[in-house]
Structure formats: structure tokens, C-alpha cells
Protein backbone atom coordinates (compact mmCIF):
# COMPACT_ATOMS: atom_id res chain seq x y z
CA MET A 1 -20.06 -4.90 35.68
CA SER A 2 -23.26 -5.60 33.79
CA THR A 3 -23.40 -7.45 30.48
CA PHE A 4 -24.94 -4.42 28.81
CA ILE A 5 -22.01 -2.17 29.78
CA LEU A 6 -19.53 -4.80 28.58
CA ARG A 7 -21.35 -4.91 25.22
CA ILE A 8 -21.18 -1.12 24.97
CA VAL A 9 -17.44 -1.04 25.76
CA PHE A 10 -16.75 -3.90 23.31
CA SER A 11 -18.74 -2.18 20.57
CA LEU A 12 -17.15 1.21 21.15
CA LEU A 13 -13.70 -0.33 20.99
CA PHE A 14 -14.35 -2.02 17.66
CA ALA A 15 -16.22 1.00 16.31
CA GLY A 16 -13.16 3.15 17.07
CA VAL A 17 -10.86 0.72 15.27
CA ALA A 18 -13.30 0.62 12.33
CA LEU A 19 -13.29 4.43 12.12
CA PHE A 20 -9.50 4.42 12.16
CA PHE A 21 -9.40 1.93 9.26
CA PHE A 22 -12.08 3.83 7.28
CA ARG A 23 -10.06 7.03 7.69
CA LEU A 24 -6.85 5.25 6.63
CA ALA A 25 -8.60 3.86 3.53
CA ALA A 26 -9.80 7.35 2.63
CA LEU A 27 -6.28 8.76 3.02
CA LEU A 28 -4.86 5.99 0.80
CA TRP A 29 -7.52 6.77 -1.81
CA LEU A 30 -6.69 10.50 -1.70
CA LYS A 31 -2.96 9.80 -2.05
CA ARG A 32 -3.60 7.48 -5.01
CA SER A 33 -5.87 10.12 -6.62
CA GLU A 34 -3.22 12.81 -6.17
CA TRP A 35 -0.57 10.49 -7.64
CA LEU A 36 -2.77 9.89 -10.71
CA ARG A 37 -3.82 13.51 -11.12
CA ASP A 38 -0.52 15.30 -10.47
CA GLY A 39 2.16 12.66 -11.10
CA VAL A 40 4.32 13.07 -14.19
CA LEU A 41 4.81 10.06 -16.46
CA VAL A 42 8.21 9.60 -18.16
CA GLU A 43 10.19 6.70 -19.59
CA GLY A 44 12.88 5.12 -17.48
CA GLU A 45 15.34 2.27 -17.79
CA VAL A 46 16.25 -0.51 -15.40
CA VAL A 47 19.97 0.01 -14.70
CA ALA A 48 20.49 -2.60 -11.98
CA ILE A 49 18.73 -5.24 -9.94
CA LYS A 50 19.04 -4.94 -6.16
CA GLU A 51 18.85 -8.09 -4.07
CA ARG A 52 16.86 -7.74 -0.87
CA LYS A 53 17.57 -10.15 1.94
CA PRO A 54 14.53 -11.69 3.57
CA THR A 55 13.42 -9.90 6.74
CA SER A 56 11.29 -12.78 7.91
CA SER A 57 12.48 -16.10 9.24
CA LYS A 58 9.75 -17.74 7.12
CA SER A 59 11.40 -16.73 3.86
CA ARG A 60 14.82 -18.12 3.07
CA TYR A 61 15.18 -16.63 -0.38
CA PRO A 62 15.98 -13.07 -1.41
CA THR A 63 13.75 -10.94 -3.63
CA PHE A 64 14.87 -8.58 -6.39
CA ALA A 65 13.93 -4.94 -6.95
CA PRO A 66 14.74 -2.96 -10.09
CA VAL A 67 16.90 0.15 -9.82
CA VAL A 68 15.47 2.59 -12.37
CA SER A 69 17.08 5.64 -13.93
CA TYR A 70 14.90 8.32 -15.51
CA ARG A 71 15.08 11.91 -16.69
CA ALA A 72 12.46 14.32 -15.33
CA THR A 73 10.70 16.75 -17.65
CA ASP A 74 13.10 19.52 -16.52
CA GLY A 75 16.02 17.42 -17.83
CA VAL A 76 17.41 16.43 -14.43
CA GLY A 77 18.27 12.75 -14.16
CA ASP A 78 17.44 10.66 -11.13
CA ARG A 79 17.30 7.05 -10.04
CA PHE A 80 15.41 5.04 -7.46
CA THR A 81 14.99 1.51 -6.24
CA SER A 82 11.46 0.28 -6.78
CA SER A 83 9.29 -0.18 -3.71
CA GLN A 84 8.33 -3.65 -4.92
CA SER A 85 10.69 -6.59 -4.99
CA GLU A 86 9.82 -10.01 -6.36
CA ARG A 87 11.15 -13.49 -6.84
CA PRO A 88 11.95 -14.22 -9.60
CA ALA A 89 12.98 -10.78 -10.79
CA ARG A 90 10.24 -9.22 -12.92
CA TYR A 91 12.61 -6.90 -14.79
CA LYS A 92 16.09 -7.22 -16.23
CA VAL A 93 18.78 -4.61 -16.80
CA GLY A 94 18.01 -2.63 -19.94
CA ASP A 95 14.21 -2.97 -19.71
CA LYS A 96 12.30 0.20 -20.49
CA VAL A 97 9.62 1.07 -17.92
CA MET A 98 7.21 3.92 -17.41
CA VAL A 99 8.01 5.96 -14.30
CA ARG A 100 5.53 8.15 -12.48
CA TYR A 101 6.96 10.76 -10.14
CA LEU A 102 5.52 13.43 -7.91
CA GLY A 103 7.90 15.75 -6.12
CA GLY A 104 10.79 13.63 -4.87
CA ASP A 105 8.75 10.42 -4.94
CA ALA A 106 9.02 8.06 -7.92
CA ASP A 107 8.10 4.49 -8.75
CA ILE A 108 7.38 2.28 -11.72
CA ASP A 109 3.96 3.27 -13.03
CA GLY A 110 1.30 0.90 -11.82
CA ILE A 111 3.05 -0.28 -8.68
CA ALA A 112 2.29 2.80 -6.60
CA LEU A 113 -1.22 2.90 -8.04
CA ALA A 114 -2.19 -0.55 -6.81
CA LEU A 115 -5.60 -0.68 -5.19
CA TRP A 116 -4.97 -3.73 -3.01
CA PRO A 117 -3.55 -1.91 0.06
CA MET A 118 -6.60 0.34 0.23
CA LEU A 119 -8.96 -2.60 -0.31
CA VAL A 120 -7.31 -4.58 2.50
CA VAL A 121 -7.68 -1.64 4.90
CA LEU A 122 -11.28 -1.17 3.80
CA LEU A 123 -12.00 -4.87 4.42
CA LEU A 124 -10.51 -4.55 7.93
CA ALA A 125 -12.76 -1.54 8.55
CA VAL A 126 -15.86 -3.45 7.47
CA VAL A 127 -14.92 -6.45 9.64
CA CYS A 128 -14.38 -4.23 12.69
CA ALA A 129 -17.65 -2.37 12.07
CA THR A 130 -19.48 -5.68 11.79
CA ILE A 131 -17.95 -6.91 15.04
CA ALA A 132 -18.94 -3.62 16.69
CA VAL A 133 -22.65 -4.16 15.95
CA LEU A 134 -22.75 -7.91 16.63
CA PRO A 135 -23.46 -7.67 20.37
CA PHE A 136 -26.66 -5.74 19.62
CA VAL A 137 -27.78 -7.83 16.67
CA LEU A 138 -27.27 -11.32 18.08
CA LYS A 139 -29.82 -12.64 20.53
CA HIS A 140 -28.30 -13.36 23.92
CA SER A 141 -29.43 -16.19 26.08
């Protein structure tokens, strides 16, 4: 197989992965925008702290996630365990927090709105796109 064909295959592979990551970043941005636009903001209270056992052999220590109770605008009460757990615990029982919910999905305001997941995916897309064009930019000997 010629070097040129190998470069084409290599570039197409990384270009496909880059497109996947660009699309994923766009979907994360749209979900975040919907959460901001349509999510309802109410006050909640931390009612418990849930210990999460480490899932990795690298971590020996548990993390702690707040369990939050809140009342929706229609008066129906609900509770959820935050998607983010930390060590040491960021919240304590009795803390008041702002809760943003959309449909059946709820989380402490700010956590679900974090930009870092989208930025990481976008960085991966840029790296893959760069790798895809490298075989045609670099001089070969």
C-alpha cells in the first residue's frame, strides 16, 4: 500500500473522530443552553450527605454527595442526590442551595451548568482535527 493512501486513511480516521467530538460538544452546548433557558430555579435544602465508595483502585477514600430536598413551583416536593461528589464534603446538612430542575432532572444550580465537560470534548476535537491534517502539512523525507 502506498504512503499516500496510508496518509489518506490516517487522516480520514482522525477527521471522523474529530467530527464526532465536534458534534458531541455542540450537543453538550445545546443541552446546557436548554437547561439555562427552560430550567426552573428554586431553593432547596441539603437533607443528607451520601457517601460514595471509590470506583477506581487509585482512590482509597470515599467522596460525599449532598442529598437535596426541594419543592417545585407546583408545590410537589422532591429530592435528589447531586451528580457531583467531593472530598471533603462541600455541603453540610441544613445548607440552603439553589436547585435548577427541568422535567424530572434536577441538580444544584451551577453544577449542571459547568462548561468544563464541553471544553474538554472541544479540545479533543481540535487535537484530532490537527492530527488529521498533519500528514499533509509536514514535509516527508
